[in-house]
N, C-alpha and C. Protein backbone atom coordinates (compact mmCIF):
# COMPACT_ATOMS: atom_id res chain seq x y z
N MET A 1 -2.90 12.91 -4.72
CA MET A 1 -3.63 11.94 -5.06
C MET A 1 -3.46 11.23 -6.31
N VAL A 2 -3.21 9.48 -6.31
CA VAL A 2 -3.00 9.26 -7.51
C VAL A 2 -4.35 7.75 -7.96
N ASN A 3 -4.63 8.37 -9.00
CA ASN A 3 -5.76 7.35 -9.40
C ASN A 3 -5.12 6.34 -9.98
N GLN A 4 -5.98 5.23 -9.86
CA GLN A 4 -5.93 3.99 -10.75
C GLN A 4 -6.57 3.57 -11.41
N ASN A 5 -5.95 3.25 -12.69
CA ASN A 5 -6.99 2.05 -13.93
C ASN A 5 -5.90 1.23 -14.35
N VAL A 6 -5.86 -0.10 -14.09
CA VAL A 6 -5.04 -1.12 -14.31
C VAL A 6 -5.70 -2.01 -14.46
N ALA A 7 -5.07 -2.00 -16.14
CA ALA A 7 -6.13 -3.59 -16.56
C ALA A 7 -4.94 -4.88 -17.15
N PHE A 8 -5.31 -6.27 -16.50
CA PHE A 8 -4.88 -7.18 -16.28
C PHE A 8 -5.78 -8.45 -17.06
N LYS A 9 -4.63 -9.03 -17.33
CA LYS A 9 -5.67 -10.51 -18.09
C LYS A 9 -5.02 -12.06 -17.04
N ALA A 10 -5.85 -12.54 -17.01
CA ALA A 10 -5.71 -13.70 -16.38
C ALA A 10 -6.18 -15.16 -17.48
N GLU A 11 -5.93 -16.55 -17.06
CA GLU A 11 -6.54 -17.53 -17.62
C GLU A 11 -7.42 -18.24 -16.45
N ALA A 12 -8.52 -18.84 -17.10
CA ALA A 12 -9.66 -20.10 -16.25
C ALA A 12 -7.98 -21.28 -16.09
N ARG A 13 -8.75 -21.79 -15.36
CA ARG A 13 -8.29 -22.76 -14.49
C ARG A 13 -9.13 -23.64 -13.96
N SER A 14 -8.71 -25.05 -13.83
CA SER A 14 -9.84 -25.91 -12.65
C SER A 14 -9.22 -25.91 -11.49
N ALA A 15 -10.00 -26.35 -10.03
CA ALA A 15 -9.60 -26.57 -9.31
C ALA A 15 -8.85 -27.43 -8.73
N GLY A 16 -7.67 -27.35 -8.65
CA GLY A 16 -7.24 -28.95 -8.44
C GLY A 16 -6.29 -29.16 -7.06
N HIS A 17 -5.83 -30.12 -6.90
CA HIS A 17 -5.13 -30.51 -5.07
C HIS A 17 -3.82 -29.31 -5.53
N LYS A 18 -3.45 -30.07 -4.45
CA LYS A 18 -2.31 -29.11 -3.61
C LYS A 18 -0.94 -29.06 -4.91
N SER A 19 -1.00 -30.12 -5.29
CA SER A 19 0.11 -30.76 -6.19
C SER A 19 0.21 -30.21 -7.40
N ASP A 20 -1.09 -29.99 -8.00
CA ASP A 20 -1.35 -29.18 -8.92
C ASP A 20 -1.48 -27.68 -8.96
N LEU A 21 -1.05 -26.80 -7.93
CA LEU A 21 -1.13 -25.94 -7.18
C LEU A 21 0.76 -25.65 -7.54
N THR A 22 1.54 -26.81 -7.06
CA THR A 22 2.39 -26.69 -6.97
C THR A 22 3.02 -26.88 -8.29
N ASN A 23 2.80 -27.44 -8.54
CA ASN A 23 2.84 -27.47 -10.45
C ASN A 23 2.69 -26.11 -11.47
N LEU A 24 1.55 -25.46 -10.79
CA LEU A 24 1.18 -24.32 -11.66
C LEU A 24 2.20 -23.30 -11.41
N ARG A 25 2.68 -23.06 -9.85
CA ARG A 25 3.58 -22.45 -9.63
C ARG A 25 5.16 -22.87 -10.25
N THR A 26 5.20 -23.92 -10.36
CA THR A 26 6.98 -24.36 -10.92
C THR A 26 6.56 -23.61 -12.34
N ALA A 27 5.25 -23.47 -12.72
CA ALA A 27 5.47 -23.14 -14.56
C ALA A 27 5.54 -22.07 -14.23
N GLY A 28 5.41 -21.12 -13.43
CA GLY A 28 5.30 -19.48 -12.93
C GLY A 28 4.01 -18.64 -13.43
N PHE A 29 3.13 -19.67 -12.95
CA PHE A 29 1.79 -19.03 -12.42
C PHE A 29 1.52 -18.99 -11.07
N ILE A 30 0.63 -18.11 -10.84
CA ILE A 30 0.38 -18.03 -9.70
C ILE A 30 -1.17 -18.27 -9.72
N PRO A 31 -1.76 -19.11 -8.80
CA PRO A 31 -3.29 -19.35 -8.31
C PRO A 31 -3.85 -18.41 -8.13
N ALA A 32 -5.18 -18.27 -8.23
CA ALA A 32 -5.78 -17.05 -7.64
C ALA A 32 -7.37 -17.19 -7.74
N VAL A 33 -8.45 -16.64 -7.47
CA VAL A 33 -10.11 -17.24 -7.19
C VAL A 33 -10.40 -15.39 -7.17
N ILE A 34 -11.61 -15.58 -8.28
CA ILE A 34 -12.01 -14.60 -8.35
C ILE A 34 -13.75 -15.08 -7.53
N TYR A 35 -14.00 -13.90 -5.90
CA TYR A 35 -15.10 -13.65 -5.65
C TYR A 35 -16.54 -12.84 -5.72
N SER A 36 -16.90 -13.33 -6.23
CA SER A 36 -18.66 -12.13 -5.81
C SER A 36 -19.67 -12.73 -5.46
N LYS A 37 -21.19 -11.53 -5.49
CA LYS A 37 -22.02 -11.96 -4.58
C LYS A 37 -22.65 -13.27 -5.42
N GLY A 38 -23.38 -14.60 -4.12
CA GLY A 38 -23.58 -15.71 -5.07
C GLY A 38 -22.50 -16.38 -5.95
N ASN A 39 -21.08 -16.18 -5.78
CA ASN A 39 -20.40 -17.30 -6.73
C ASN A 39 -19.08 -17.88 -5.20
N ALA A 40 -19.34 -18.66 -5.10
CA ALA A 40 -18.30 -19.61 -4.68
C ALA A 40 -16.77 -19.21 -4.38
N GLY A 41 -16.43 -19.30 -5.56
CA GLY A 41 -14.70 -18.62 -6.05
C GLY A 41 -14.65 -18.85 -7.55
N GLU A 42 -14.40 -18.41 -8.20
CA GLU A 42 -13.60 -18.68 -9.93
C GLU A 42 -12.59 -18.80 -9.77
N PRO A 43 -11.61 -20.31 -9.76
CA PRO A 43 -10.49 -20.27 -9.70
C PRO A 43 -10.22 -19.98 -10.76
N VAL A 44 -8.78 -19.02 -11.21
CA VAL A 44 -7.74 -18.06 -11.96
C VAL A 44 -6.53 -18.77 -12.12
N GLN A 45 -5.77 -18.32 -13.12
CA GLN A 45 -3.90 -17.98 -12.88
C GLN A 45 -3.72 -17.06 -13.13
N LEU A 46 -2.82 -16.54 -12.92
CA LEU A 46 -1.93 -15.34 -13.49
C LEU A 46 -0.31 -15.21 -13.69
N ASN A 47 -0.19 -14.88 -14.57
CA ASN A 47 1.32 -14.77 -14.80
C ASN A 47 2.12 -14.05 -14.19
N GLU A 48 3.18 -14.52 -13.33
CA GLU A 48 3.96 -14.46 -12.30
C GLU A 48 4.74 -13.24 -12.37
N HIS A 49 4.63 -13.66 -13.97
CA HIS A 49 6.51 -12.23 -13.69
C HIS A 49 5.54 -11.16 -14.02
N ASP A 50 4.33 -10.97 -14.96
CA ASP A 50 3.69 -9.59 -15.12
C ASP A 50 2.46 -9.70 -13.72
N PHE A 51 2.08 -9.89 -12.86
CA PHE A 51 1.67 -9.84 -11.67
C PHE A 51 2.77 -8.87 -10.84
N GLN A 52 3.62 -9.22 -11.14
CA GLN A 52 4.70 -9.14 -9.88
C GLN A 52 4.77 -7.30 -10.73
N MET A 53 5.39 -7.15 -11.55
CA MET A 53 5.52 -5.97 -12.80
C MET A 53 4.55 -5.11 -12.34
N MET A 54 3.35 -5.61 -12.51
CA MET A 54 2.55 -4.70 -12.33
C MET A 54 1.90 -3.85 -10.46
N LEU A 55 2.70 -4.91 -9.87
CA LEU A 55 2.53 -4.45 -8.72
C LEU A 55 3.82 -3.45 -8.27
N LYS A 56 4.63 -3.68 -8.88
CA LYS A 56 6.03 -3.06 -8.89
C LYS A 56 5.65 -1.76 -8.76
N HIS A 57 4.77 -1.43 -9.93
CA HIS A 57 4.65 0.39 -10.39
C HIS A 57 3.51 0.81 -9.74
N HIS A 58 3.07 0.15 -8.51
CA HIS A 58 2.00 0.57 -7.92
C HIS A 58 2.49 0.86 -6.18
N SER A 59 1.95 1.88 -5.81
CA SER A 59 2.66 1.85 -3.82
C SER A 59 2.11 0.66 -3.48
N GLY A 60 1.04 0.32 -3.66
CA GLY A 60 0.74 -1.02 -2.22
C GLY A 60 -0.55 -1.60 -3.31
N GLU A 61 -0.66 -2.78 -2.83
CA GLU A 61 -1.92 -4.01 -3.14
C GLU A 61 -3.32 -3.25 -3.45
N ASN A 62 -3.48 -2.68 -2.73
CA ASN A 62 -4.74 -1.86 -2.64
C ASN A 62 -5.10 -1.60 -4.34
N LEU A 63 -5.53 -2.55 -4.66
CA LEU A 63 -5.72 -1.73 -6.62
C LEU A 63 -7.29 -2.61 -7.24
N MET A 64 -7.33 -1.27 -7.42
CA MET A 64 -9.17 -1.45 -8.54
C MET A 64 -8.24 -1.84 -9.61
N ILE A 65 -8.93 -3.57 -9.89
CA ILE A 65 -8.51 -4.04 -11.49
C ILE A 65 -9.33 -4.39 -12.21
N GLU A 66 -9.16 -4.09 -13.30
CA GLU A 66 -9.75 -4.61 -14.82
C GLU A 66 -9.41 -5.99 -15.59
N LEU A 67 -9.84 -7.14 -14.56
CA LEU A 67 -9.34 -8.18 -14.77
C LEU A 67 -10.09 -9.15 -16.20
N GLN A 68 -9.56 -9.26 -17.12
CA GLN A 68 -9.92 -9.92 -18.12
C GLN A 68 -9.45 -11.93 -17.81
N VAL A 69 -10.92 -11.92 -18.25
CA VAL A 69 -10.37 -13.53 -18.77
C VAL A 69 -10.44 -14.36 -19.27
N GLY A 70 -9.38 -14.89 -20.41
CA GLY A 70 -9.51 -15.42 -21.31
C GLY A 70 -10.09 -14.26 -22.13
N GLU A 71 -11.10 -14.93 -23.39
CA GLU A 71 -11.62 -13.84 -24.05
C GLU A 71 -13.18 -13.55 -23.59
N ASN A 72 -13.44 -13.66 -22.11
CA ASN A 72 -14.32 -13.08 -21.25
C ASN A 72 -14.58 -11.37 -21.89
N ASP A 73 -15.68 -10.73 -21.19
CA ASP A 73 -15.56 -9.40 -20.80
C ASP A 73 -14.84 -9.26 -19.47
N SER A 74 -14.15 -7.99 -19.14
CA SER A 74 -13.23 -7.99 -18.07
C SER A 74 -14.51 -7.32 -17.09
N ARG A 75 -13.90 -7.73 -15.61
CA ARG A 75 -14.98 -7.25 -14.65
C ARG A 75 -13.86 -6.66 -13.32
N ASN A 76 -14.02 -5.85 -12.48
CA ASN A 76 -13.99 -4.75 -12.05
C ASN A 76 -13.70 -5.65 -10.84
N VAL A 77 -12.34 -5.45 -10.18
CA VAL A 77 -12.10 -6.54 -8.94
C VAL A 77 -11.45 -5.76 -8.57
N LEU A 78 -11.28 -5.89 -7.10
CA LEU A 78 -10.30 -5.56 -5.97
C LEU A 78 -9.33 -6.50 -5.55
N ILE A 79 -7.89 -5.97 -4.94
CA ILE A 79 -7.09 -7.19 -4.26
C ILE A 79 -7.83 -7.38 -3.36
N LYS A 80 -7.89 -8.51 -2.64
CA LYS A 80 -8.57 -8.90 -1.17
C LYS A 80 -7.67 -9.37 -0.58
N GLU A 81 -7.20 -10.08 -1.31
CA GLU A 81 -5.37 -10.63 -0.42
C GLU A 81 -4.45 -11.28 -0.88
N ILE A 82 -3.16 -11.41 -0.92
CA ILE A 82 -2.62 -11.82 -1.76
C ILE A 82 -1.51 -12.31 -0.49
N GLN A 83 -1.32 -13.94 -0.51
CA GLN A 83 -0.54 -14.68 0.35
C GLN A 83 0.98 -14.77 -0.26
N HIS A 84 1.74 -14.54 1.03
CA HIS A 84 3.28 -14.71 0.54
C HIS A 84 3.86 -15.79 0.91
N HIS A 85 4.80 -16.57 0.17
CA HIS A 85 5.78 -17.65 0.93
C HIS A 85 6.00 -17.03 1.98
N PRO A 86 6.01 -17.58 3.24
CA PRO A 86 6.94 -17.06 4.66
C PRO A 86 8.68 -16.93 4.53
N MET A 87 8.99 -17.58 3.43
CA MET A 87 10.52 -17.47 3.79
C MET A 87 10.87 -16.87 2.64
N THR A 88 10.48 -16.91 1.21
CA THR A 88 10.96 -16.19 0.02
C THR A 88 10.37 -14.93 0.00
N ALA A 89 8.97 -14.71 0.50
CA ALA A 89 7.66 -13.82 0.07
C ALA A 89 7.45 -13.90 -1.20
N ARG A 90 7.93 -14.60 -2.06
CA ARG A 90 7.14 -15.01 -3.08
C ARG A 90 5.46 -15.29 -3.31
N ILE A 91 4.98 -14.48 -4.22
CA ILE A 91 3.49 -14.86 -4.28
C ILE A 91 2.80 -15.91 -4.51
N VAL A 92 2.23 -16.83 -3.30
CA VAL A 92 1.80 -17.82 -3.65
C VAL A 92 0.54 -17.99 -4.04
N HIS A 93 -0.66 -16.67 -3.70
CA HIS A 93 -2.15 -16.89 -3.78
C HIS A 93 -2.23 -15.63 -3.73
N VAL A 94 -3.70 -15.14 -4.58
CA VAL A 94 -4.28 -14.15 -4.89
C VAL A 94 -5.84 -14.01 -4.56
N ASP A 95 -6.42 -13.82 -4.14
CA ASP A 95 -7.77 -13.62 -3.58
C ASP A 95 -8.29 -12.09 -4.07
N PHE A 96 -9.12 -12.00 -5.51
CA PHE A 96 -10.16 -10.61 -5.83
C PHE A 96 -11.40 -11.00 -5.57
N HIS A 97 -11.93 -9.70 -5.17
CA HIS A 97 -13.26 -9.52 -4.88
C HIS A 97 -14.12 -8.74 -6.10
N GLU A 98 -14.92 -9.35 -6.84
CA GLU A 98 -15.46 -8.52 -8.15
C GLU A 98 -16.56 -7.38 -7.22
N ILE A 99 -16.25 -6.43 -8.24
CA ILE A 99 -17.06 -5.38 -7.05
C ILE A 99 -18.39 -4.32 -8.08
N SER A 100 -18.89 -3.79 -8.23
CA SER A 100 -19.63 -2.90 -8.43
C SER A 100 -19.08 -1.41 -8.04
N LEU A 101 -18.97 -0.67 -9.49
CA LEU A 101 -17.79 0.48 -9.42
C LEU A 101 -18.96 1.57 -8.49
N SER A 102 -20.34 1.21 -8.78
CA SER A 102 -20.96 2.43 -8.03
C SER A 102 -21.07 2.01 -6.98
N ARG A 103 -20.68 0.94 -5.80
CA ARG A 103 -20.81 0.16 -4.77
C ARG A 103 -20.08 1.23 -3.56
N LEU A 104 -20.18 1.48 -2.22
CA LEU A 104 -19.24 2.48 -1.45
C LEU A 104 -18.18 1.65 -0.94
N ILE A 105 -17.52 1.81 -1.22
CA ILE A 105 -16.05 0.77 -0.20
C ILE A 105 -15.34 1.69 0.83
N LYS A 106 -14.80 0.03 1.84
CA LYS A 106 -13.96 0.74 2.62
C LYS A 106 -12.86 0.35 2.67
N VAL A 107 -11.43 1.01 2.59
CA VAL A 107 -10.59 0.68 2.18
C VAL A 107 -9.34 1.56 2.80
N MET A 108 -8.29 0.79 2.92
CA MET A 108 -6.61 1.76 3.21
C MET A 108 -6.09 2.15 2.42
N VAL A 109 -5.85 3.44 2.24
CA VAL A 109 -5.24 3.97 1.30
C VAL A 109 -3.88 4.56 1.88
N THR A 110 -2.80 4.05 0.75
CA THR A 110 -1.34 4.98 1.18
C THR A 110 -1.47 6.05 1.52
N LEU A 111 -0.28 6.73 2.73
CA LEU A 111 0.30 7.89 2.44
C LEU A 111 1.28 8.24 1.76
N ASP A 112 1.29 9.43 0.57
CA ASP A 112 2.89 9.58 0.68
C ASP A 112 3.12 10.89 0.53
N PHE A 113 4.35 10.57 1.07
CA PHE A 113 5.16 11.75 2.28
C PHE A 113 6.36 13.02 1.10
N ASP A 114 5.48 14.02 0.49
CA ASP A 114 6.19 15.06 -0.78
C ASP A 114 6.71 15.88 0.01
N GLY A 115 8.56 16.42 -0.65
CA GLY A 115 8.79 17.33 0.00
C GLY A 115 9.47 16.86 1.54
N THR A 116 11.10 18.05 1.21
CA THR A 116 11.44 17.88 2.20
C THR A 116 11.21 18.85 3.72
N PRO A 117 11.08 18.48 4.94
CA PRO A 117 11.10 19.92 5.66
C PRO A 117 11.48 20.44 6.15
N ALA A 118 10.78 22.05 5.60
CA ALA A 118 11.92 23.17 6.53
C ALA A 118 12.93 22.75 8.02
N GLY A 119 12.22 22.01 8.62
CA GLY A 119 12.78 22.00 10.49
C GLY A 119 14.33 20.71 10.07
N VAL A 120 13.68 19.81 8.76
CA VAL A 120 15.08 19.18 8.36
C VAL A 120 16.02 20.19 7.67
N THR A 121 15.77 20.71 6.66
CA THR A 121 16.47 21.60 5.85
C THR A 121 17.49 22.89 6.76
N ASN A 122 16.63 23.18 7.56
CA ASN A 122 17.21 24.60 8.16
C ASN A 122 17.77 24.13 9.45
N GLY A 123 16.95 23.33 10.33
CA GLY A 123 17.03 23.03 11.49
C GLY A 123 17.96 21.77 12.08
N GLY A 124 17.94 20.93 10.90
CA GLY A 124 18.86 19.49 11.10
C GLY A 124 18.51 18.75 12.00
N GLY A 125 16.41 18.71 12.09
CA GLY A 125 15.63 17.58 12.86
C GLY A 125 15.82 16.38 11.74
N THR A 126 14.40 15.72 12.24
CA THR A 126 14.53 14.63 11.69
C THR A 126 12.88 13.91 11.32
N LEU A 127 12.82 13.89 9.79
CA LEU A 127 11.45 13.90 9.68
C LEU A 127 10.90 12.26 10.40
N ASP A 128 9.81 12.09 11.20
CA ASP A 128 9.39 10.78 12.11
C ASP A 128 7.76 10.47 11.38
N ILE A 129 7.67 9.71 10.92
CA ILE A 129 6.52 8.78 9.76
C ILE A 129 5.94 8.31 10.90
N GLN A 130 4.84 8.36 11.13
CA GLN A 130 4.51 7.26 12.21
C GLN A 130 2.90 6.60 11.81
N THR A 131 2.31 7.34 10.49
CA THR A 131 1.21 6.28 10.17
C THR A 131 1.22 6.37 8.60
N ARG A 132 1.24 5.47 8.00
CA ARG A 132 1.57 5.16 6.50
C ARG A 132 0.44 5.11 5.64
N GLU A 133 -0.86 5.11 6.37
CA GLU A 133 -2.37 4.52 5.53
C GLU A 133 -3.55 4.94 6.48
N ILE A 134 -4.65 5.68 6.03
CA ILE A 134 -5.79 5.71 6.72
C ILE A 134 -6.71 4.68 6.17
N GLU A 135 -7.70 4.54 6.96
CA GLU A 135 -9.21 4.03 6.53
C GLU A 135 -9.50 5.19 5.56
N VAL A 136 -10.68 4.58 4.58
CA VAL A 136 -11.79 5.77 4.03
C VAL A 136 -12.64 4.93 3.47
N GLU A 137 -13.49 5.51 2.94
CA GLU A 137 -15.23 5.21 2.50
C GLU A 137 -15.36 6.21 1.05
N CYS A 138 -15.56 5.45 0.17
CA CYS A 138 -15.66 6.13 -1.23
C CYS A 138 -16.18 4.99 -2.43
N LYS A 139 -16.87 5.57 -3.39
CA LYS A 139 -17.08 4.76 -4.02
C LYS A 139 -16.08 3.89 -4.93
N ALA A 140 -16.56 2.70 -5.54
CA ALA A 140 -15.15 2.09 -6.18
C ALA A 140 -14.66 2.87 -7.50
N SER A 141 -15.62 3.18 -7.55
CA SER A 141 -15.15 3.97 -8.76
C SER A 141 -13.95 5.25 -9.15
N ASP A 142 -14.36 5.96 -7.59
CA ASP A 142 -13.23 7.18 -7.27
C ASP A 142 -11.84 6.44 -6.53
N LEU A 143 -11.91 5.11 -6.04
CA LEU A 143 -11.28 4.61 -5.86
C LEU A 143 -9.03 5.43 -6.06
N VAL A 144 -8.78 5.44 -5.02
CA VAL A 144 -7.40 6.27 -5.67
C VAL A 144 -6.22 5.11 -4.63
N GLU A 145 -5.13 5.38 -5.51
CA GLU A 145 -3.99 4.17 -4.64
C GLU A 145 -3.19 5.20 -3.85
N SER A 146 -3.01 6.15 -3.57
CA SER A 146 -2.64 6.89 -2.18
C SER A 146 -3.12 8.20 -2.07
N PHE A 147 -2.44 8.86 -1.42
CA PHE A 147 -3.44 10.70 -1.15
C PHE A 147 -1.72 11.13 -0.79
N ILE A 148 -1.36 12.12 -1.32
CA ILE A 148 -0.38 12.90 -1.48
C ILE A 148 -0.34 13.61 0.13
N VAL A 149 0.56 13.64 0.31
CA VAL A 149 0.56 14.67 2.28
C VAL A 149 2.09 15.35 2.13
N ASP A 150 1.74 16.91 1.91
CA ASP A 150 2.97 17.98 1.75
C ASP A 150 3.81 18.19 3.02
N VAL A 151 4.77 17.96 3.59
CA VAL A 151 6.13 18.17 5.09
C VAL A 151 6.70 19.48 4.34
N SER A 152 6.38 19.95 3.45
CA SER A 152 7.54 20.62 3.13
C SER A 152 7.72 21.73 4.44
N SER A 153 6.26 22.31 5.28
CA SER A 153 6.55 23.57 5.49
C SER A 153 6.43 23.46 6.65
N LEU A 154 6.40 22.34 7.22
CA LEU A 154 6.72 21.78 8.87
C LEU A 154 8.28 22.21 9.14
N GLY A 155 8.05 22.29 10.61
CA GLY A 155 9.03 22.84 11.39
C GLY A 155 9.75 22.40 12.47
N ILE A 156 10.80 22.31 13.25
CA ILE A 156 10.98 21.50 14.56
C ILE A 156 10.01 21.78 15.64
N GLY A 157 9.46 20.35 15.89
CA GLY A 157 8.52 20.39 16.87
C GLY A 157 6.93 20.63 16.03
N ASP A 158 7.02 20.70 14.32
CA ASP A 158 5.58 20.62 14.25
C ASP A 158 5.62 19.06 13.60
N HIS A 159 3.91 18.75 13.70
CA HIS A 159 3.05 17.54 13.34
C HIS A 159 1.88 18.19 12.29
N LEU A 160 1.42 16.66 12.07
CA LEU A 160 0.09 16.58 10.90
C LEU A 160 -0.40 15.81 11.93
N THR A 161 -1.77 15.27 11.70
CA THR A 161 -2.28 14.17 11.69
C THR A 161 -3.23 14.28 11.06
N VAL A 162 -3.79 12.84 11.08
CA VAL A 162 -4.86 12.54 9.74
C VAL A 162 -5.92 13.20 9.26
N ALA A 163 -6.20 14.44 10.06
CA ALA A 163 -7.14 15.41 9.85
C ALA A 163 -6.90 16.55 8.85
N ASP A 164 -5.10 16.54 8.71
CA ASP A 164 -4.87 17.04 8.03
C ASP A 164 -4.37 16.65 6.51
N VAL A 165 -4.79 15.53 6.28
CA VAL A 165 -4.86 14.74 4.83
C VAL A 165 -6.23 15.64 4.01
N LYS A 166 -5.94 15.75 2.79
CA LYS A 166 -6.70 16.34 1.79
C LYS A 166 -7.16 15.39 0.82
N LEU A 167 -8.95 15.07 1.38
CA LEU A 167 -9.33 14.15 0.72
C LEU A 167 -10.11 14.98 -0.28
N PRO A 168 -10.25 14.04 -1.54
CA PRO A 168 -10.92 14.31 -2.93
C PRO A 168 -12.62 14.40 -2.23
N GLU A 169 -13.56 15.09 -3.07
CA GLU A 169 -14.59 15.09 -2.91
C GLU A 169 -15.41 14.00 -2.65
N GLY A 170 -16.27 13.72 -2.21
CA GLY A 170 -16.73 12.15 -2.09
C GLY A 170 -16.35 11.15 -1.42
N PHE A 171 -15.17 11.12 -0.26
CA PHE A 171 -14.22 10.55 0.34
C PHE A 171 -14.74 11.09 1.91
N GLU A 172 -14.93 9.90 2.78
CA GLU A 172 -15.22 10.17 3.94
C GLU A 172 -14.21 9.07 4.78
N LEU A 173 -13.51 10.13 5.84
CA LEU A 173 -12.15 9.33 6.62
C LEU A 173 -13.12 8.87 8.22
N LEU A 174 -12.44 8.03 8.43
CA LEU A 174 -12.82 6.68 8.77
C LEU A 174 -11.85 6.82 10.03
N THR A 175 -10.70 6.76 9.88
CA THR A 175 -9.41 6.91 10.81
C THR A 175 -9.73 7.88 11.55
N GLU A 176 -9.71 8.03 13.11
CA GLU A 176 -9.54 8.85 14.27
C GLU A 176 -8.74 10.41 13.81
N GLY A 177 -9.24 11.16 13.01
CA GLY A 177 -8.70 12.15 12.70
C GLY A 177 -7.20 13.27 13.51
N ASN A 178 -7.35 12.61 14.86
CA ASN A 178 -6.24 13.16 15.78
C ASN A 178 -5.19 12.03 16.10
N ILE A 179 -5.23 10.94 15.14
CA ILE A 179 -3.78 10.32 15.48
C ILE A 179 -3.01 10.95 14.52
N SER A 180 -1.41 11.48 14.78
CA SER A 180 -0.02 12.03 14.17
C SER A 180 0.35 10.94 13.01
N ILE A 181 0.38 11.64 11.90
CA ILE A 181 0.77 10.76 10.71
C ILE A 181 2.61 11.16 10.66
N ALA A 182 3.28 12.73 11.08
CA ALA A 182 4.33 12.84 10.37
C ALA A 182 4.48 14.13 11.71
N THR A 183 5.68 13.89 12.56
CA THR A 183 6.62 14.99 13.17
C THR A 183 7.96 14.92 12.73
N VAL A 184 8.52 16.34 13.12
CA VAL A 184 9.42 16.90 12.24
C VAL A 184 10.32 16.64 14.46
N LEU A 185 11.13 16.18 14.24
CA LEU A 185 11.99 16.02 15.72
C LEU A 185 13.04 16.87 15.99
N LYS A 186 13.50 16.97 16.87
CA LYS A 186 14.22 18.39 17.36
C LYS A 186 15.93 17.72 16.68
N PRO A 187 16.79 17.87 16.78
CA PRO A 187 17.83 17.15 16.33
C PRO A 187 18.91 16.36 17.07
N ARG A 188 19.75 15.75 16.90
CA ARG A 188 19.97 14.59 17.57
C ARG A 188 21.68 15.41 18.25
N VAL A 189 21.60 15.08 19.75
CA VAL A 189 22.79 16.08 19.92
C VAL A 189 24.03 14.91 20.77
N ALA A 190 25.07 14.89 19.95
CA ALA A 190 26.02 13.87 20.60
C ALA A 190 26.95 14.61 21.52
N ALA A 191 27.34 14.47 22.47
CA ALA A 191 27.90 14.90 23.71
C ALA A 191 29.22 14.31 23.31
N ALA A 192 30.70 14.96 23.20
CA ALA A 192 31.91 14.57 22.28
C ALA A 192 32.49 14.57 24.03
N GLU A 193 33.34 13.53 24.18
CA GLU A 193 34.08 13.02 25.64
C GLU A 193 34.94 14.64 25.70
N GLY A 194 34.89 14.86 26.43
CA GLY A 194 36.30 16.13 27.05
C GLY A 194 35.72 18.02 26.58
N ASP A 195 34.22 17.39 25.55
CA ASP A 195 33.98 19.02 25.36
C ASP A 195 32.76 19.19 26.10
N SER A 196 32.56 20.51 26.34
CA SER A 196 31.47 20.97 27.55
C SER A 196 30.41 21.61 26.42
N GLU A 197 30.60 21.47 25.39
CA GLU A 197 29.73 21.55 24.49
C GLU A 197 29.11 20.50 23.50
N GLY A 198 27.75 20.12 23.33
CA GLY A 198 27.22 18.89 22.23
C GLY A 198 27.84 19.54 20.95
N GLU A 199 27.63 18.22 20.59
CA GLU A 199 28.16 18.26 18.63
C GLU A 199 26.77 18.13 18.43
N GLU A 200 26.34 18.77 17.20
CA GLU A 200 25.25 18.24 16.64
C GLU A 200 25.61 16.77 15.63
N ALA A 201 24.80 16.17 15.34
CA ALA A 201 24.95 15.06 14.75
C ALA A 201 24.71 15.72 13.41
N SER A 202 25.74 15.19 12.57
CA SER A 202 25.40 16.07 11.29
C SER A 202 25.48 14.22 9.90
N GLY A 203 25.02 14.90 8.78
CA GLY A 203 25.20 13.70 7.93
C GLY A 203 23.52 14.39 7.40
N GLU A 204 23.17 13.12 6.41
CA GLU A 204 22.11 13.13 5.25
C GLU A 204 21.22 13.31 6.47
N PRO A 205 19.89 13.89 6.58
CA PRO A 205 18.17 13.64 6.98
C PRO A 205 18.17 12.31 7.36
N GLU A 206 17.56 12.25 7.96
CA GLU A 206 17.41 10.68 8.82
C GLU A 206 15.83 10.53 8.71
N VAL A 207 14.98 9.31 8.52
CA VAL A 207 13.87 9.31 8.19
C VAL A 207 13.13 8.56 9.53
N ILE A 208 12.50 8.50 9.76
CA ILE A 208 12.60 7.43 11.13
C ILE A 208 10.98 7.04 11.02
N SER A 209 10.70 5.52 10.84
CA SER A 209 9.20 4.44 10.29
C SER A 209 9.40 3.67 11.46
N ALA A 210 8.54 2.90 12.15
CA ALA A 210 8.59 2.03 12.49
C ALA A 210 8.35 0.75 11.21
N ALA A 211 9.06 0.14 11.22
CA ALA A 211 8.85 -1.61 10.04
C ALA A 211 7.61 -2.29 10.43
N LYS A 212 7.31 -2.41 9.11
CA LYS A 212 5.60 -3.29 9.05
C LYS A 212 6.08 -4.72 8.59
N ASP A 213 5.79 -5.32 9.65
CA ASP A 213 6.09 -6.83 8.87
C ASP A 213 5.06 -7.13 8.34
N ASP A 214 4.98 -8.32 7.12
CA ASP A 214 4.28 -8.70 6.35
C ASP A 214 3.76 -9.88 6.79
N GLU A 215 2.69 -10.29 7.78
CA GLU A 215 2.56 -11.37 7.85
C GLU A 215 1.77 -12.03 6.33
N ALA A 216 2.29 -13.29 6.26
CA ALA A 216 2.25 -14.27 5.14
C ALA A 216 2.11 -16.09 5.37
N SER A 217 1.34 -16.04 4.68
CA SER A 217 1.19 -17.58 4.52
C SER A 217 0.91 -18.50 3.38
N GLU A 218 1.38 -19.85 2.90
CA GLU A 218 1.18 -20.24 1.75
C GLU A 218 -0.11 -20.70 1.40
N GLY A 219 -0.95 -20.39 0.11
CA GLY A 219 -2.18 -20.95 -0.07
C GLY A 219 -1.80 -22.63 -0.39
């Protein structure tokens, strides 16, 4: 389990036309909006380099941030949405949602897999990752960046399900518990031409994981 405690500074900006947003991005800033209950949206701008560096040090975009706008007091916000340019993947817009730390929230939390399965080390198997995040409900103040899942004890044919993920106190699991998250597959066998016996594939252990494409649109 990795806790989140992230602080970041933003600058106020006026809502502008599309050309203004283009100029803002050219100058190295990301246009963003802070939404809160009863608020139509407060436009702000983020230093692109600093924001990218902040995200780089965290496993996902699901972060609780203490966001300070100018000299005003900081507020607790969640990243609601990050829009990426469809060609360059550059961040073009960010939406924040201001939230009370005592409020219950439903979020997707990343699974971080720790260790090398015994079935990979001793049996030549392959670790197949099927699920990389689960949905939970918790207080905003308890939000974590990821859950650590130990796979070191898995042998050939063993698997873990969502129900096997150890949740901290105060967290409620919302994803179905019987969904598989990781399995150790049998070793691949390549039949050599002219040989009566198959030869086990050699080399470094391989991790199979379905690629997840990010859908992005320019704000």
